Amino acid sequence: MRVFIPLVGLTALAAAALPAGMASADPTGQSEARTPVRAVLICATDAATRRAFTREHGATPVFVTAREVLSVRPSDPAWTTPRCMTAREHERYRTAVNSYASVR
């Protein structure tokens, strides 16, 4: 049985990939507007993982692509349950973020 692995840094990486003007802070270091947390987990696509996800989060998994995660804006509605991403899509996401970081 494969289990899904939480991807803790994905949300932080997505926030780091945003243009500098989108993440503004006041002089005290507090953020002006809180960005909703959008958790993304690395999930397999087999039936056992789907059952485990449903049991844990109360909904069937919704899979997202690397492109969809990179296009999320702070003004978009927050997710009520975590989204899933395959290991292959996560590798695409990491590649895109690293490419973006090397250009900056």
C-alpha atoms as a PDB file:
ATOM      1  CA  MET A   1       0.000   0.000   0.000  1.00  0.00           C
ATOM      2  CA  ARG A   2       1.357   3.382  -0.922  1.00  0.00           C
ATOM      3  CA  VAL A   3       0.736   6.294   1.369  1.00  0.00           C
ATOM      4  CA  PHE A   4       0.665   9.938   0.522  1.00  0.00           C
ATOM      5  CA  ILE A   5       3.476  12.144   1.790  1.00  0.00           C
ATOM      6  CA  PRO A   6       2.776  15.683   2.960  1.00  0.00           C
ATOM      7  CA  LEU A   7       4.636  18.264   0.983  1.00  0.00           C
ATOM      8  CA  VAL A   8       5.419  20.858   3.591  1.00  0.00           C
ATOM      9  CA  GLY A   9       7.538  23.208   1.538  1.00  0.00           C
ATOM     10  CA  LEU A  10       5.335  23.409  -1.535  1.00  0.00           C
ATOM     11  CA  THR A  11       3.264  26.305  -0.254  1.00  0.00           C
ATOM     12  CA  ALA A  12       6.392  28.135   0.876  1.00  0.00           C
ATOM     13  CA  LEU A  13       7.999  27.575  -2.529  1.00  0.00           C
ATOM     14  CA  ALA A  14       4.914  28.854  -4.293  1.00  0.00           C
ATOM     15  CA  ALA A  15       4.995  31.994  -2.156  1.00  0.00           C
ATOM     16  CA  ALA A  16       8.710  32.450  -2.890  1.00  0.00           C
ATOM     17  CA  ALA A  17       8.014  32.200  -6.604  1.00  0.00           C
ATOM     18  CA  LEU A  18       5.647  35.172  -6.537  1.00  0.00           C
ATOM     19  CA  PRO A  19       6.987  38.509  -7.758  1.00  0.00           C
ATOM     20  CA  ALA A  20       8.516  40.663  -5.036  1.00  0.00           C
ATOM     21  CA  GLY A  21       5.751  43.276  -5.222  1.00  0.00           C
ATOM     22  CA  MET A  22       3.090  40.762  -4.264  1.00  0.00           C
ATOM     23  CA  ALA A  23       4.582  39.937  -0.877  1.00  0.00           C
ATOM     24  CA  SER A  24       4.760  43.226   0.990  1.00  0.00           C
ATOM     25  CA  ALA A  25       5.407  43.679   4.680  1.00  0.00           C
ATOM     26  CA  ASP A  26       5.360  46.619   7.057  1.00  0.00           C
ATOM     27  CA  PRO A  27       8.511  47.785   8.960  1.00  0.00           C
ATOM     28  CA  THR A  28       7.668  45.602  11.974  1.00  0.00           C
ATOM     29  CA  GLY A  29       7.963  42.476   9.822  1.00  0.00           C
ATOM     30  CA  GLN A  30       4.246  41.668   9.953  1.00  0.00           C
ATOM     31  CA  SER A  31       2.509  40.858   6.716  1.00  0.00           C
ATOM     32  CA  GLU A  32      -0.151  43.341   5.608  1.00  0.00           C
ATOM     33  CA  ALA A  33      -2.515  40.768   4.175  1.00  0.00           C
ATOM     34  CA  ARG A  34      -2.434  37.124   5.168  1.00  0.00           C
ATOM     35  CA  THR A  35      -2.284  34.728   2.265  1.00  0.00           C
ATOM     36  CA  PRO A  36      -4.499  31.684   2.708  1.00  0.00           C
ATOM     37  CA  VAL A  37      -2.589  28.442   3.181  1.00  0.00           C
ATOM     38  CA  ARG A  38      -3.062  26.063   0.299  1.00  0.00           C
ATOM     39  CA  ALA A  39      -1.679  22.662   1.217  1.00  0.00           C
ATOM     40  CA  VAL A  40      -0.547  20.319  -1.534  1.00  0.00           C
ATOM     41  CA  LEU A  41       0.386  16.689  -0.872  1.00  0.00           C
ATOM     42  CA  ILE A  42       2.308  14.255  -3.034  1.00  0.00           C
ATOM     43  CA  CYS A  43      -0.179  11.437  -3.644  1.00  0.00           C
ATOM     44  CA  ALA A  44      -0.177   8.232  -5.645  1.00  0.00           C
ATOM     45  CA  THR A  45      -3.094   7.563  -7.933  1.00  0.00           C
ATOM     46  CA  ASP A  46      -3.930   4.052  -6.711  1.00  0.00           C
ATOM     47  CA  ALA A  47      -7.151   3.074  -4.967  1.00  0.00           C
ATOM     48  CA  ALA A  48      -5.538   2.571  -1.546  1.00  0.00           C
ATOM     49  CA  THR A  49      -4.150   6.102  -1.529  1.00  0.00           C
ATOM     50  CA  ARG A  50      -7.504   7.521  -2.593  1.00  0.00           C
ATOM     51  CA  ARG A  51      -9.247   5.666   0.251  1.00  0.00           C
ATOM     52  CA  ALA A  52      -6.636   6.855   2.766  1.00  0.00           C
ATOM     53  CA  PHE A  53      -6.958  10.453   1.580  1.00  0.00           C
ATOM     54  CA  THR A  54     -10.754  10.292   1.773  1.00  0.00           C
ATOM     55  CA  ARG A  55     -10.583   8.818   5.260  1.00  0.00           C
ATOM     56  CA  GLU A  56      -8.098  11.456   6.432  1.00  0.00           C
ATOM     57  CA  HIS A  57      -9.625  14.564   4.827  1.00  0.00           C
ATOM     58  CA  GLY A  58     -13.264  13.646   4.230  1.00  0.00           C
ATOM     59  CA  ALA A  59     -13.183  14.264   0.474  1.00  0.00           C
ATOM     60  CA  THR A  60     -11.809  12.556  -2.588  1.00  0.00           C
ATOM     61  CA  PRO A  61      -8.415  13.840  -3.725  1.00  0.00           C
ATOM     62  CA  VAL A  62      -8.301  16.621  -6.286  1.00  0.00           C
ATOM     63  CA  PHE A  63      -5.120  16.454  -8.346  1.00  0.00           C
ATOM     64  CA  VAL A  64      -3.402  19.634  -9.524  1.00  0.00           C
ATOM     65  CA  THR A  65      -0.591  20.153 -11.999  1.00  0.00           C
ATOM     66  CA  ALA A  66       2.606  22.102 -11.493  1.00  0.00           C
ATOM     67  CA  ARG A  67       1.308  24.811 -13.809  1.00  0.00           C
ATOM     68  CA  GLU A  68      -1.889  25.200 -11.757  1.00  0.00           C
ATOM     69  CA  VAL A  69       0.081  25.534  -8.507  1.00  0.00           C
ATOM     70  CA  LEU A  70       2.393  28.132 -10.033  1.00  0.00           C
ATOM     71  CA  SER A  71      -0.571  30.147 -11.300  1.00  0.00           C
ATOM     72  CA  VAL A  72      -2.320  30.388  -7.896  1.00  0.00           C
ATOM     73  CA  ARG A  73      -2.657  33.998  -6.783  1.00  0.00           C
ATOM     74  CA  PRO A  74      -3.215  35.284  -3.238  1.00  0.00           C
ATOM     75  CA  SER A  75      -6.618  36.617  -4.294  1.00  0.00           C
ATOM     76  CA  ASP A  76      -7.826  33.151  -5.362  1.00  0.00           C
ATOM     77  CA  PRO A  77     -10.224  31.404  -2.959  1.00  0.00           C
ATOM     78  CA  ALA A  78      -8.598  29.181  -0.332  1.00  0.00           C
ATOM     79  CA  TRP A  79      -8.878  25.402  -0.538  1.00  0.00           C
ATOM     80  CA  THR A  80     -10.994  23.654   2.069  1.00  0.00           C
ATOM     81  CA  THR A  81      -9.063  20.374   1.713  1.00  0.00           C
ATOM     82  CA  PRO A  82      -5.479  19.768   0.592  1.00  0.00           C
ATOM     83  CA  ARG A  83      -4.851  19.161  -3.091  1.00  0.00           C
ATOM     84  CA  CYS A  84      -2.818  16.247  -4.435  1.00  0.00           C
ATOM     85  CA  MET A  85       0.066  16.230  -6.882  1.00  0.00           C
ATOM     86  CA  THR A  86       1.736  13.214  -8.431  1.00  0.00           C
ATOM     87  CA  ALA A  87       5.470  12.706  -7.918  1.00  0.00           C
ATOM     88  CA  ARG A  88       6.041  13.477 -11.598  1.00  0.00           C
ATOM     89  CA  GLU A  89       4.155  16.783 -11.349  1.00  0.00           C
ATOM     90  CA  HIS A  90       6.094  17.644  -8.197  1.00  0.00           C
ATOM     91  CA  GLU A  91       9.344  17.170 -10.118  1.00  0.00           C
ATOM     92  CA  ARG A  92       8.014  19.500 -12.829  1.00  0.00           C
ATOM     93  CA  TYR A  93       7.110  22.014 -10.133  1.00  0.00           C
ATOM     94  CA  ARG A  94      10.582  21.844  -8.563  1.00  0.00           C
ATOM     95  CA  THR A  95      12.212  22.296 -11.956  1.00  0.00           C
ATOM     96  CA  ALA A  96      10.051  25.333 -12.722  1.00  0.00           C
ATOM     97  CA  VAL A  97      10.723  26.941  -9.348  1.00  0.00           C
ATOM     98  CA  ASN A  98      14.469  26.348  -9.642  1.00  0.00           C
ATOM     99  CA  SER A  99      14.479  27.820 -13.150  1.00  0.00           C
ATOM    100  CA  TYR A 100      12.579  30.861 -11.912  1.00  0.00           C
ATOM    101  CA  ALA A 101      14.957  31.291  -8.969  1.00  0.00           C
ATOM    102  CA  SER A 102      18.045  31.081 -11.186  1.00  0.00           C
ATOM    103  CA  VAL A 103      16.700  33.872 -13.413  1.00  0.00           C
ATOM    104  CA  ARG A 104      16.052  36.168 -10.451  1.00  0.00           C
END
